[in-house]
Amino acid sequence: MNDIRNSGGTPPSRSFRLDKNNAKLAGVCSGIGNYFGVDPLLVRIAFVIALLLGFGAPVLIYIAIALIAD
């Protein structure tokens, strides 16, 4: 029988991390892309579109994630 658990007996953890290697500013968009399994470029485009449409929340969210995440 296939067991997807690791040798410790617990499922592998999935945690959010900033991706400093692929970062343009702070690594937030590339970290979000890695976490959800999408291209970081799509996340960056979504942030830019939200800003162009007049939503100010993405800026606050980006700054909060950059300050809180490691």
C-alpha atoms as a PDB file:
ATOM      1  CA  MET A   1       0.000   0.000   0.000  1.00  0.00           C
ATOM      2  CA  ASN A   2       1.310   3.471  -0.891  1.00  0.00           C
ATOM      3  CA  ASP A   3       1.902   5.685   2.108  1.00  0.00           C
ATOM      4  CA  ILE A   4       2.326   9.383   1.276  1.00  0.00           C
ATOM      5  CA  ARG A   5       3.587  10.280   4.723  1.00  0.00           C
ATOM      6  CA  ASN A   6       7.238  10.956   5.371  1.00  0.00           C
ATOM      7  CA  SER A   7       9.415   8.807   7.618  1.00  0.00           C
ATOM      8  CA  GLY A   8       8.354  10.819  10.700  1.00  0.00           C
ATOM      9  CA  GLY A   9       4.770   9.644  10.342  1.00  0.00           C
ATOM     10  CA  THR A  10       3.319  13.087   9.668  1.00  0.00           C
ATOM     11  CA  PRO A  11       2.312  14.568   6.328  1.00  0.00           C
ATOM     12  CA  PRO A  12       4.795  17.049   4.859  1.00  0.00           C
ATOM     13  CA  SER A  13       4.050  20.622   5.877  1.00  0.00           C
ATOM     14  CA  ARG A  14       3.225  23.274   3.319  1.00  0.00           C
ATOM     15  CA  SER A  15       4.296  26.684   4.501  1.00  0.00           C
ATOM     16  CA  PHE A  16       4.533  30.055   2.804  1.00  0.00           C
ATOM     17  CA  ARG A  17       7.997  31.477   2.264  1.00  0.00           C
ATOM     18  CA  LEU A  18       9.244  34.524   0.422  1.00  0.00           C
ATOM     19  CA  ASP A  19      11.214  33.531  -2.668  1.00  0.00           C
ATOM     20  CA  LYS A  20      14.263  35.788  -2.489  1.00  0.00           C
ATOM     21  CA  ASN A  21      15.963  33.992  -5.404  1.00  0.00           C
ATOM     22  CA  ASN A  22      13.236  34.963  -7.898  1.00  0.00           C
ATOM     23  CA  ALA A  23      12.307  38.236  -6.233  1.00  0.00           C
ATOM     24  CA  LYS A  24      11.744  41.504  -8.047  1.00  0.00           C
ATOM     25  CA  LEU A  25      11.170  43.542  -4.879  1.00  0.00           C
ATOM     26  CA  ALA A  26      10.722  41.469  -1.735  1.00  0.00           C
ATOM     27  CA  GLY A  27       9.828  38.027  -3.109  1.00  0.00           C
ATOM     28  CA  VAL A  28       6.148  38.224  -2.178  1.00  0.00           C
ATOM     29  CA  CYS A  29       4.676  37.510  -5.620  1.00  0.00           C
ATOM     30  CA  SER A  30       7.100  34.673  -6.324  1.00  0.00           C
ATOM     31  CA  GLY A  31       6.379  33.244  -2.868  1.00  0.00           C
ATOM     32  CA  ILE A  32       2.633  33.389  -3.528  1.00  0.00           C
ATOM     33  CA  GLY A  33       3.157  31.779  -6.919  1.00  0.00           C
ATOM     34  CA  ASN A  34       5.226  28.967  -5.431  1.00  0.00           C
ATOM     35  CA  TYR A  35       2.718  28.387  -2.632  1.00  0.00           C
ATOM     36  CA  PHE A  36      -0.258  28.070  -4.970  1.00  0.00           C
ATOM     37  CA  GLY A  37       1.629  26.384  -7.808  1.00  0.00           C
ATOM     38  CA  VAL A  38       1.169  29.162 -10.370  1.00  0.00           C
ATOM     39  CA  ASP A  39       3.620  31.234 -12.365  1.00  0.00           C
ATOM     40  CA  PRO A  40       4.820  34.202 -10.274  1.00  0.00           C
ATOM     41  CA  LEU A  41       4.442  36.396 -13.353  1.00  0.00           C
ATOM     42  CA  LEU A  42       0.675  35.836 -13.206  1.00  0.00           C
ATOM     43  CA  VAL A  43       0.636  36.949  -9.579  1.00  0.00           C
ATOM     44  CA  ARG A  44       2.639  40.063 -10.471  1.00  0.00           C
ATOM     45  CA  ILE A  45       0.242  40.856 -13.326  1.00  0.00           C
ATOM     46  CA  ALA A  46      -2.732  40.437 -10.979  1.00  0.00           C
ATOM     47  CA  PHE A  47      -1.182  42.898  -8.521  1.00  0.00           C
ATOM     48  CA  VAL A  48      -0.557  45.444 -11.298  1.00  0.00           C
ATOM     49  CA  ILE A  49      -4.083  45.079 -12.717  1.00  0.00           C
ATOM     50  CA  ALA A  50      -5.561  45.543  -9.249  1.00  0.00           C
ATOM     51  CA  LEU A  51      -3.498  48.698  -8.803  1.00  0.00           C
ATOM     52  CA  LEU A  52      -4.516  50.065 -12.211  1.00  0.00           C
ATOM     53  CA  LEU A  53      -8.175  49.450 -11.399  1.00  0.00           C
ATOM     54  CA  GLY A  54      -7.811  51.634  -8.338  1.00  0.00           C
ATOM     55  CA  PHE A  55      -7.705  49.055  -5.597  1.00  0.00           C
ATOM     56  CA  GLY A  56      -5.317  50.110  -2.837  1.00  0.00           C
ATOM     57  CA  ALA A  57      -5.527  46.891  -0.864  1.00  0.00           C
ATOM     58  CA  PRO A  58      -2.864  45.007  -2.890  1.00  0.00           C
ATOM     59  CA  VAL A  59      -0.232  47.509  -1.796  1.00  0.00           C
ATOM     60  CA  LEU A  60      -1.154  47.043   1.849  1.00  0.00           C
ATOM     61  CA  ILE A  61      -1.308  43.269   1.465  1.00  0.00           C
ATOM     62  CA  TYR A  62       2.083  43.202  -0.284  1.00  0.00           C
ATOM     63  CA  ILE A  63       3.706  45.299   2.440  1.00  0.00           C
ATOM     64  CA  ALA A  64       2.120  43.232   5.207  1.00  0.00           C
ATOM     65  CA  ILE A  65       3.300  39.955   3.678  1.00  0.00           C
ATOM     66  CA  ALA A  66       6.792  41.353   3.089  1.00  0.00           C
ATOM     67  CA  LEU A  67       7.048  42.417   6.729  1.00  0.00           C
ATOM     68  CA  ILE A  68       5.471  39.343   8.309  1.00  0.00           C
ATOM     69  CA  ALA A  69       6.756  36.445   6.192  1.00  0.00           C
ATOM     70  CA  ASP A  70      10.306  35.217   6.397  1.00  0.00           C
END
